[in-house]
Structure formats: C-alpha cells, structure tokens
C-alpha cells in the first residue's frame, strides 16, 4: 500500500472467512518511519546596475544548505524518475543514513551578467556561473541483518559492503564554472527592427563532470568498478547564430 511516512496509517486488510473486512490502524511509532524532510536555507547578496545606454551589470552570491532525508518526487542519485515511486520509504532500512546533504546542495553559487554598448549598432554581453561541488553518496544493499525486506532490493540503501555511509558523505564532485559571451549587431533597415546575434556558450570549453556513478555495489553485492566514474559532463563550447526581424 502507499501511505505518508511518519504518520499513522489506517487501512483495510484482506476479507476474513466470515465475510468481514476489518480496518486496522498502524501507528507511526510501530512502522519506524520518520517524517520526510527537505530544508533549503540560503542567503543571497545581489548587485544591480541598470543599463544606462552604455553598460549594465548584475551579480549575485548565494550561500545555501540543502539538507534532509527526501530529495523530492524523484531520486536523481540512483536514477529513479517515476514521480513519488522511489524506494525512499519502502522499508525502514532505507531510512538509515538517509538524512544528509541532498544531491542539489551547492554551498556556493556566484552569478554575474552584463552588457556594454560599443557604439549604437553593437552591443556586447557576458554571463558567468560558478558553483561549488555537490555531495555524493554510496548506494548499495541494506544488510540482511538490518532489514530483510530492504535487502531483497539489492540496492537503494546507504550501505556499501555492509557499512553505513550517510547520505552525501561518500565524496564530492567538481566545481562548475561557465562563461558565455554574446554580440548583437543592430541593422539599419528602414521601418524594421532587425539584428544579428552570435552567442558563444562555455567559451573556455570547460569540461567539469556534472554527475557521477553513485552505485558502490552491483546487484550481486560485489563492489562496482564503475563507482565514482563520470556519468555526464559539462556541455562543451557551442555557438548560436540568431537573426531577428521585428515589424
């Protein structure tokens, strides 16, 4: 059955021989599940300098903490993308070590973007994003002695080779840094607002790893040789050309 963890559950059980279908209440204290928690606390400092027909600049710095025992409707660290159908609270063993820094936790984020008008027909722009490394876990089977039912999943717990490794403490990933630039040429066409634009994304062709393999074990319980191997990388340098006509 599907229920809300951390709360009492009232449900019907199978029909008895006398034809009745009893209703039973399972107390939250008996089930052994905590309430889901996901707390995002952040402090953001911003700077804005509006465009004055010559230049503009906006920037922000965010110090953030994203912590809890529940990432949300999906679980990105092990690829469970079915909404609200993850293994998070399927059995009490999955709760062990689940409270910690969540996959989206980025302690520091620095963003900035600005523009500069070289002359009436030419605008230049730049965009910057720098983020600190996320936290990663070690996903493996819950030991049989801890939770026999959770052990049948052969994974999804915060155990590796029988050792509990709390969420977000196994290793950290890469810092992410990306710089984009743009140029807009305004075309002097009568009665039309026309322009040509070129954008260069990731101008320095940075290649940080954006996600790693979190599975410390294979389904048979052996160590996974691909654990901590890169899964996705930062999108390489690319160029986009755009023509705009307004009338």
C-alpha atoms as a PDB file:
ATOM      1  CA  UNK A   1       0.000   0.000   0.000  1.00  0.00           C
ATOM      2  CA  UNK A   2       1.028   3.625  -0.472  1.00  0.00           C
ATOM      3  CA  UNK A   3       0.923   5.901   2.567  1.00  0.00           C
ATOM      4  CA  UNK A   4       2.512   9.011   4.026  1.00  0.00           C
ATOM      5  CA  UNK A   5       5.645   8.134   6.035  1.00  0.00           C
ATOM      6  CA  UNK A   6       5.874   9.406   9.573  1.00  0.00           C
ATOM      7  CA  UNK A   7       2.090   9.246  10.101  1.00  0.00           C
ATOM      8  CA  UNK A   8      -0.405   6.688  11.352  1.00  0.00           C
ATOM      9  CA  UNK A   9      -1.858   4.540   8.576  1.00  0.00           C
ATOM     10  CA  UNK A  10      -5.441   3.270   8.582  1.00  0.00           C
ATOM     11  CA  UNK A  11      -6.235   0.582   6.036  1.00  0.00           C
ATOM     12  CA  UNK A  12      -8.399  -2.430   5.334  1.00  0.00           C
ATOM     13  CA  UNK A  13      -6.939  -5.925   5.387  1.00  0.00           C
ATOM     14  CA  UNK A  14      -7.999  -8.964   3.353  1.00  0.00           C
ATOM     15  CA  UNK A  15     -11.526 -10.238   3.778  1.00  0.00           C
ATOM     16  CA  UNK A  16     -11.898 -12.767   6.593  1.00  0.00           C
ATOM     17  CA  UNK A  17     -13.712 -16.149   6.278  1.00  0.00           C
ATOM     18  CA  UNK A  18     -16.813 -14.636   7.910  1.00  0.00           C
ATOM     19  CA  UNK A  19     -17.044 -12.100   5.069  1.00  0.00           C
ATOM     20  CA  UNK A  20     -15.954  -9.054   7.053  1.00  0.00           C
ATOM     21  CA  UNK A  21     -13.144  -6.709   6.004  1.00  0.00           C
ATOM     22  CA  UNK A  22     -11.579  -5.324   9.182  1.00  0.00           C
ATOM     23  CA  UNK A  23      -9.933  -1.931   9.370  1.00  0.00           C
ATOM     24  CA  UNK A  24      -6.651  -1.617  11.224  1.00  0.00           C
ATOM     25  CA  UNK A  25      -4.505   1.347  12.223  1.00  0.00           C
ATOM     26  CA  UNK A  26      -0.724   1.056  12.184  1.00  0.00           C
ATOM     27  CA  UNK A  27       0.954   3.632  14.421  1.00  0.00           C
ATOM     28  CA  UNK A  28       3.819   5.712  13.050  1.00  0.00           C
ATOM     29  CA  UNK A  29       5.947   4.605  16.008  1.00  0.00           C
ATOM     30  CA  UNK A  30       5.342   0.966  15.063  1.00  0.00           C
ATOM     31  CA  UNK A  31       6.158   1.465  11.381  1.00  0.00           C
ATOM     32  CA  UNK A  32       9.510   3.113  12.143  1.00  0.00           C
ATOM     33  CA  UNK A  33       9.480   5.846   9.504  1.00  0.00           C
ATOM     34  CA  UNK A  34      10.400   9.483  10.198  1.00  0.00           C
ATOM     35  CA  UNK A  35       8.541  12.308   8.501  1.00  0.00           C
ATOM     36  CA  UNK A  36      10.008  13.391   5.145  1.00  0.00           C
ATOM     37  CA  UNK A  37      12.175  16.479   5.442  1.00  0.00           C
ATOM     38  CA  UNK A  38      13.804  18.690   2.838  1.00  0.00           C
ATOM     39  CA  UNK A  39      15.118  22.008   4.076  1.00  0.00           C
ATOM     40  CA  UNK A  40      16.685  24.634   1.835  1.00  0.00           C
ATOM     41  CA  UNK A  41      18.216  27.577   3.679  1.00  0.00           C
ATOM     42  CA  UNK A  42      20.060  30.273   1.765  1.00  0.00           C
ATOM     43  CA  UNK A  43      21.432  33.778   1.970  1.00  0.00           C
ATOM     44  CA  UNK A  44      21.711  35.744  -1.294  1.00  0.00           C
ATOM     45  CA  UNK A  45      23.547  39.015  -1.859  1.00  0.00           C
ATOM     46  CA  UNK A  46      22.756  40.885  -5.087  1.00  0.00           C
ATOM     47  CA  UNK A  47      24.125  43.821  -7.064  1.00  0.00           C
ATOM     48  CA  UNK A  48      22.282  45.527  -9.928  1.00  0.00           C
ATOM     49  CA  UNK A  49      23.405  48.365 -12.157  1.00  0.00           C
ATOM     50  CA  UNK A  50      20.707  49.182 -14.712  1.00  0.00           C
ATOM     51  CA  UNK A  51      21.559  49.785 -18.336  1.00  0.00           C
ATOM     52  CA  UNK A  52      22.189  53.494 -18.991  1.00  0.00           C
ATOM     53  CA  UNK A  53      22.554  53.250 -22.766  1.00  0.00           C
ATOM     54  CA  UNK A  54      26.210  52.382 -22.207  1.00  0.00           C
ATOM     55  CA  UNK A  55      26.635  49.450 -19.791  1.00  0.00           C
ATOM     56  CA  UNK A  56      24.915  47.324 -17.151  1.00  0.00           C
ATOM     57  CA  UNK A  57      25.951  44.734 -14.575  1.00  0.00           C
ATOM     58  CA  UNK A  58      24.058  42.346 -12.304  1.00  0.00           C
ATOM     59  CA  UNK A  59      25.591  39.842  -9.920  1.00  0.00           C
ATOM     60  CA  UNK A  60      24.621  37.602  -7.017  1.00  0.00           C
ATOM     61  CA  UNK A  61      26.275  35.368  -4.480  1.00  0.00           C
ATOM     62  CA  UNK A  62      24.306  32.625  -2.694  1.00  0.00           C
ATOM     63  CA  UNK A  63      25.353  30.641   0.362  1.00  0.00           C
ATOM     64  CA  UNK A  64      22.972  27.684   0.550  1.00  0.00           C
ATOM     65  CA  UNK A  65      22.329  24.493   2.536  1.00  0.00           C
ATOM     66  CA  UNK A  66      20.011  21.808   1.122  1.00  0.00           C
ATOM     67  CA  UNK A  67      19.591  19.022   3.665  1.00  0.00           C
ATOM     68  CA  UNK A  68      17.047  16.344   4.516  1.00  0.00           C
ATOM     69  CA  UNK A  69      16.043  12.694   4.124  1.00  0.00           C
ATOM     70  CA  UNK A  70      13.960  13.135   0.976  1.00  0.00           C
ATOM     71  CA  UNK A  71      15.089  14.653  -2.316  1.00  0.00           C
ATOM     72  CA  UNK A  72      11.548  15.042  -3.662  1.00  0.00           C
ATOM     73  CA  UNK A  73       9.252  13.284  -6.108  1.00  0.00           C
ATOM     74  CA  UNK A  74      12.235  11.716  -7.882  1.00  0.00           C
ATOM     75  CA  UNK A  75      15.608  10.431  -6.701  1.00  0.00           C
ATOM     76  CA  UNK A  76      18.340  11.638  -9.024  1.00  0.00           C
ATOM     77  CA  UNK A  77      21.255   9.957  -7.239  1.00  0.00           C
ATOM     78  CA  UNK A  78      20.170   6.495  -8.403  1.00  0.00           C
ATOM     79  CA  UNK A  79      18.085   7.428 -11.448  1.00  0.00           C
ATOM     80  CA  UNK A  80      14.581   6.735 -10.056  1.00  0.00           C
ATOM     81  CA  UNK A  81      12.495   9.173 -12.097  1.00  0.00           C
ATOM     82  CA  UNK A  82       8.954   7.799 -11.561  1.00  0.00           C
ATOM     83  CA  UNK A  83       7.165  10.553  -9.627  1.00  0.00           C
ATOM     84  CA  UNK A  84       6.628   9.595  -5.958  1.00  0.00           C
ATOM     85  CA  UNK A  85       7.524   5.957  -6.662  1.00  0.00           C
ATOM     86  CA  UNK A  86      11.086   5.915  -5.341  1.00  0.00           C
ATOM     87  CA  UNK A  87      12.396   3.390  -2.811  1.00  0.00           C
ATOM     88  CA  UNK A  88      12.924   6.078  -0.146  1.00  0.00           C
ATOM     89  CA  UNK A  89      10.373   4.800   2.379  1.00  0.00           C
ATOM     90  CA  UNK A  90       9.656   1.310   1.054  1.00  0.00           C
ATOM     91  CA  UNK A  91      11.147  -0.264   4.192  1.00  0.00           C
ATOM     92  CA  UNK A  92      12.701   1.145   7.400  1.00  0.00           C
ATOM     93  CA  UNK A  93      16.200   0.052   6.325  1.00  0.00           C
ATOM     94  CA  UNK A  94      16.190   2.630   3.535  1.00  0.00           C
ATOM     95  CA  UNK A  95      15.851   5.419   6.101  1.00  0.00           C
ATOM     96  CA  UNK A  96      19.190   4.586   7.741  1.00  0.00           C
ATOM     97  CA  UNK A  97      21.725   7.227   6.782  1.00  0.00           C
ATOM     98  CA  UNK A  98      19.196   8.981   4.525  1.00  0.00           C
ATOM     99  CA  UNK A  99      19.411  12.328   6.325  1.00  0.00           C
ATOM    100  CA  UNK A 100      22.193  14.461   4.921  1.00  0.00           C
ATOM    101  CA  UNK A 101      23.141  16.882   2.179  1.00  0.00           C
ATOM    102  CA  UNK A 102      20.887  16.312  -0.826  1.00  0.00           C
ATOM    103  CA  UNK A 103      22.109  15.951  -4.436  1.00  0.00           C
ATOM    104  CA  UNK A 104      21.116  19.530  -5.304  1.00  0.00           C
ATOM    105  CA  UNK A 105      23.146  21.016  -2.456  1.00  0.00           C
ATOM    106  CA  UNK A 106      25.582  23.605  -3.808  1.00  0.00           C
ATOM    107  CA  UNK A 107      27.193  25.525  -0.981  1.00  0.00           C
ATOM    108  CA  UNK A 108      28.368  28.494  -3.060  1.00  0.00           C
ATOM    109  CA  UNK A 109      26.899  29.982  -6.240  1.00  0.00           C
ATOM    110  CA  UNK A 110      28.234  33.088  -7.959  1.00  0.00           C
ATOM    111  CA  UNK A 111      26.373  34.531 -10.940  1.00  0.00           C
ATOM    112  CA  UNK A 112      27.026  37.634 -12.988  1.00  0.00           C
ATOM    113  CA  UNK A 113      25.908  39.069 -16.303  1.00  0.00           C
ATOM    114  CA  UNK A 114      26.388  42.396 -18.005  1.00  0.00           C
ATOM    115  CA  UNK A 115      26.374  44.275 -21.281  1.00  0.00           C
ATOM    116  CA  UNK A 116      28.403  47.034 -22.913  1.00  0.00           C
ATOM    117  CA  UNK A 117      27.378  49.183 -25.865  1.00  0.00           C
ATOM    118  CA  UNK A 118      30.466  49.725 -28.025  1.00  0.00           C
ATOM    119  CA  UNK A 119      28.526  52.051 -30.305  1.00  0.00           C
ATOM    120  CA  UNK A 120      24.918  52.435 -31.378  1.00  0.00           C
ATOM    121  CA  UNK A 121      24.933  49.408 -33.668  1.00  0.00           C
ATOM    122  CA  UNK A 122      26.906  46.976 -31.486  1.00  0.00           C
ATOM    123  CA  UNK A 123      26.160  45.527 -28.019  1.00  0.00           C
ATOM    124  CA  UNK A 124      28.442  43.049 -26.244  1.00  0.00           C
ATOM    125  CA  UNK A 125      27.368  40.815 -23.378  1.00  0.00           C
ATOM    126  CA  UNK A 126      28.797  38.272 -20.964  1.00  0.00           C
ATOM    127  CA  UNK A 127      27.392  35.754 -18.486  1.00  0.00           C
ATOM    128  CA  UNK A 128      29.195  33.870 -15.704  1.00  0.00           C
ATOM    129  CA  UNK A 129      28.205  30.992 -13.412  1.00  0.00           C
ATOM    130  CA  UNK A 130      30.460  29.445 -10.757  1.00  0.00           C
ATOM    131  CA  UNK A 131      29.123  26.794  -8.369  1.00  0.00           C
ATOM    132  CA  UNK A 132      30.813  24.693  -5.717  1.00  0.00           C
ATOM    133  CA  UNK A 133      30.877  20.902  -5.842  1.00  0.00           C
ATOM    134  CA  UNK A 134      27.814  18.789  -4.913  1.00  0.00           C
ATOM    135  CA  UNK A 135      27.859  15.918  -2.413  1.00  0.00           C
ATOM    136  CA  UNK A 136      27.607  12.264  -3.450  1.00  0.00           C
ATOM    137  CA  UNK A 137      26.577   9.033  -1.722  1.00  0.00           C
ATOM    138  CA  UNK A 138      27.441   5.351  -1.878  1.00  0.00           C
ATOM    139  CA  UNK A 139      24.374   3.317  -2.853  1.00  0.00           C
ATOM    140  CA  UNK A 140      24.251  -0.392  -2.040  1.00  0.00           C
ATOM    141  CA  UNK A 141      22.193  -3.153  -0.444  1.00  0.00           C
ATOM    142  CA  UNK A 142      20.797  -2.842   3.063  1.00  0.00           C
ATOM    143  CA  UNK A 143      22.343  -5.780   5.032  1.00  0.00           C
ATOM    144  CA  UNK A 144      20.082  -8.769   5.654  1.00  0.00           C
ATOM    145  CA  UNK A 145      20.574  -8.470   9.416  1.00  0.00           C
ATOM    146  CA  UNK A 146      19.415  -4.834   9.347  1.00  0.00           C
ATOM    147  CA  UNK A 147      16.263  -5.179   7.221  1.00  0.00           C
ATOM    148  CA  UNK A 148      15.490  -8.457   5.450  1.00  0.00           C
ATOM    149  CA  UNK A 149      12.837  -6.923   3.182  1.00  0.00           C
ATOM    150  CA  UNK A 150      15.005  -3.962   2.118  1.00  0.00           C
ATOM    151  CA  UNK A 151      17.816  -6.427   1.370  1.00  0.00           C
ATOM    152  CA  UNK A 152      15.708  -8.021  -1.393  1.00  0.00           C
ATOM    153  CA  UNK A 153      16.050  -4.795  -3.413  1.00  0.00           C
ATOM    154  CA  UNK A 154      19.807  -5.464  -3.840  1.00  0.00           C
ATOM    155  CA  UNK A 155      20.443  -1.726  -3.658  1.00  0.00           C
ATOM    156  CA  UNK A 156      18.992   1.744  -2.980  1.00  0.00           C
ATOM    157  CA  UNK A 157      20.239   1.855   0.636  1.00  0.00           C
ATOM    158  CA  UNK A 158      23.072   3.916   2.084  1.00  0.00           C
ATOM    159  CA  UNK A 159      25.248   0.881   2.714  1.00  0.00           C
ATOM    160  CA  UNK A 160      28.329  -0.239   0.791  1.00  0.00           C
ATOM    161  CA  UNK A 161      29.874  -3.620   1.538  1.00  0.00           C
ATOM    162  CA  UNK A 162      27.768  -3.728   4.706  1.00  0.00           C
ATOM    163  CA  UNK A 163      28.981  -0.375   6.049  1.00  0.00           C
ATOM    164  CA  UNK A 164      26.563   2.510   6.570  1.00  0.00           C
ATOM    165  CA  UNK A 165      27.775   5.620   4.723  1.00  0.00           C
ATOM    166  CA  UNK A 166      25.431   8.543   5.481  1.00  0.00           C
ATOM    167  CA  UNK A 167      23.986  10.408   2.546  1.00  0.00           C
ATOM    168  CA  UNK A 168      26.236  12.967   0.898  1.00  0.00           C
ATOM    169  CA  UNK A 169      29.404  11.933   2.759  1.00  0.00           C
ATOM    170  CA  UNK A 170      30.999   9.480   0.285  1.00  0.00           C
ATOM    171  CA  UNK A 171      32.736  12.051  -1.928  1.00  0.00           C
ATOM    172  CA  UNK A 172      32.326  15.449  -3.565  1.00  0.00           C
ATOM    173  CA  UNK A 173      32.145  16.251  -7.251  1.00  0.00           C
ATOM    174  CA  UNK A 174      33.582  19.021  -9.409  1.00  0.00           C
ATOM    175  CA  UNK A 175      33.182  22.747  -9.163  1.00  0.00           C
ATOM    176  CA  UNK A 176      31.267  24.119 -12.144  1.00  0.00           C
ATOM    177  CA  UNK A 177      32.419  27.239 -13.986  1.00  0.00           C
ATOM    178  CA  UNK A 178      30.890  28.507 -17.208  1.00  0.00           C
ATOM    179  CA  UNK A 179      31.388  31.735 -19.132  1.00  0.00           C
ATOM    180  CA  UNK A 180      29.220  32.783 -22.081  1.00  0.00           C
ATOM    181  CA  UNK A 181      29.644  35.811 -24.357  1.00  0.00           C
ATOM    182  CA  UNK A 182      27.416  37.437 -26.965  1.00  0.00           C
ATOM    183  CA  UNK A 183      27.405  40.178 -29.586  1.00  0.00           C
ATOM    184  CA  UNK A 184      24.376  41.867 -31.153  1.00  0.00           C
ATOM    185  CA  UNK A 185      24.609  43.938 -34.335  1.00  0.00           C
ATOM    186  CA  UNK A 186      21.629  46.213 -34.958  1.00  0.00           C
ATOM    187  CA  UNK A 187      20.956  46.566 -38.690  1.00  0.00           C
ATOM    188  CA  UNK A 188      19.887  49.983 -40.037  1.00  0.00           C
ATOM    189  CA  UNK A 189      16.936  48.781 -42.134  1.00  0.00           C
ATOM    190  CA  UNK A 190      14.148  51.375 -42.519  1.00  0.00           C
ATOM    191  CA  UNK A 191      10.824  50.576 -40.785  1.00  0.00           C
ATOM    192  CA  UNK A 192      12.220  47.352 -39.317  1.00  0.00           C
ATOM    193  CA  UNK A 193      13.869  46.376 -36.049  1.00  0.00           C
ATOM    194  CA  UNK A 194      16.472  43.965 -37.357  1.00  0.00           C
ATOM    195  CA  UNK A 195      19.538  42.483 -35.712  1.00  0.00           C
ATOM    196  CA  UNK A 196      22.050  39.677 -35.929  1.00  0.00           C
ATOM    197  CA  UNK A 197      23.222  37.952 -32.748  1.00  0.00           C
ATOM    198  CA  UNK A 198      26.004  35.487 -32.005  1.00  0.00           C
ATOM    199  CA  UNK A 199      26.247  33.620 -28.674  1.00  0.00           C
ATOM    200  CA  UNK A 200      29.224  31.546 -27.614  1.00  0.00           C
ATOM    201  CA  UNK A 201      28.387  29.230 -24.724  1.00  0.00           C
ATOM    202  CA  UNK A 202      31.109  27.847 -22.456  1.00  0.00           C
ATOM    203  CA  UNK A 203      33.656  29.992 -24.238  1.00  0.00           C
ATOM    204  CA  UNK A 204      36.617  28.417 -22.381  1.00  0.00           C
ATOM    205  CA  UNK A 205      35.332  24.897 -23.190  1.00  0.00           C
ATOM    206  CA  UNK A 206      35.324  23.824 -19.527  1.00  0.00           C
ATOM    207  CA  UNK A 207      34.684  20.105 -19.070  1.00  0.00           C
ATOM    208  CA  UNK A 208      33.668  19.578 -15.440  1.00  0.00           C
ATOM    209  CA  UNK A 209      31.890  16.348 -14.534  1.00  0.00           C
ATOM    210  CA  UNK A 210      28.262  17.183 -13.701  1.00  0.00           C
ATOM    211  CA  UNK A 211      27.261  13.760 -12.323  1.00  0.00           C
ATOM    212  CA  UNK A 212      28.981  10.625 -11.073  1.00  0.00           C
ATOM    213  CA  UNK A 213      28.013   6.982 -10.587  1.00  0.00           C
ATOM    214  CA  UNK A 214      26.670   6.626  -7.027  1.00  0.00           C
ATOM    215  CA  UNK A 215      26.315   2.828  -7.001  1.00  0.00           C
ATOM    216  CA  UNK A 216      29.030   1.322  -4.814  1.00  0.00           C
ATOM    217  CA  UNK A 217      27.744  -2.232  -5.324  1.00  0.00           C
ATOM    218  CA  UNK A 218      26.397  -4.405  -8.103  1.00  0.00           C
ATOM    219  CA  UNK A 219      23.178  -6.391  -7.718  1.00  0.00           C
ATOM    220  CA  UNK A 220      25.131  -9.448  -6.537  1.00  0.00           C
ATOM    221  CA  UNK A 221      26.706  -7.468  -3.691  1.00  0.00           C
ATOM    222  CA  UNK A 222      30.169  -7.193  -5.226  1.00  0.00           C
ATOM    223  CA  UNK A 223      31.993  -3.871  -5.492  1.00  0.00           C
ATOM    224  CA  UNK A 224      31.099  -1.808  -8.546  1.00  0.00           C
ATOM    225  CA  UNK A 225      34.204  -0.947 -10.574  1.00  0.00           C
ATOM    226  CA  UNK A 226      32.304   1.979 -12.145  1.00  0.00           C
ATOM    227  CA  UNK A 227      31.581   3.583  -8.768  1.00  0.00           C
ATOM    228  CA  UNK A 228      32.600   7.278  -8.802  1.00  0.00           C
ATOM    229  CA  UNK A 229      33.062   7.130 -12.590  1.00  0.00           C
ATOM    230  CA  UNK A 230      31.810  10.205 -14.529  1.00  0.00           C
ATOM    231  CA  UNK A 231      28.307   9.874 -15.994  1.00  0.00           C
ATOM    232  CA  UNK A 232      27.726  13.331 -17.505  1.00  0.00           C
ATOM    233  CA  UNK A 233      29.974  16.204 -18.424  1.00  0.00           C
ATOM    234  CA  UNK A 234      29.501  19.920 -18.847  1.00  0.00           C
ATOM    235  CA  UNK A 235      28.178  20.801 -22.296  1.00  0.00           C
ATOM    236  CA  UNK A 236      31.167  21.705 -24.488  1.00  0.00           C
ATOM    237  CA  UNK A 237      31.642  25.030 -26.263  1.00  0.00           C
ATOM    238  CA  UNK A 238      28.898  25.830 -28.755  1.00  0.00           C
ATOM    239  CA  UNK A 239      27.902  28.744 -30.974  1.00  0.00           C
ATOM    240  CA  UNK A 240      24.410  30.003 -31.823  1.00  0.00           C
ATOM    241  CA  UNK A 241      23.579  32.467 -34.587  1.00  0.00           C
ATOM    242  CA  UNK A 242      20.250  34.304 -34.483  1.00  0.00           C
ATOM    243  CA  UNK A 243      18.566  36.697 -36.896  1.00  0.00           C
ATOM    244  CA  UNK A 244      15.706  38.859 -35.594  1.00  0.00           C
ATOM    245  CA  UNK A 245      13.263  40.968 -37.575  1.00  0.00           C
ATOM    246  CA  UNK A 246      10.504  42.988 -35.933  1.00  0.00           C
ATOM    247  CA  UNK A 247       7.854  44.930 -37.795  1.00  0.00           C
END
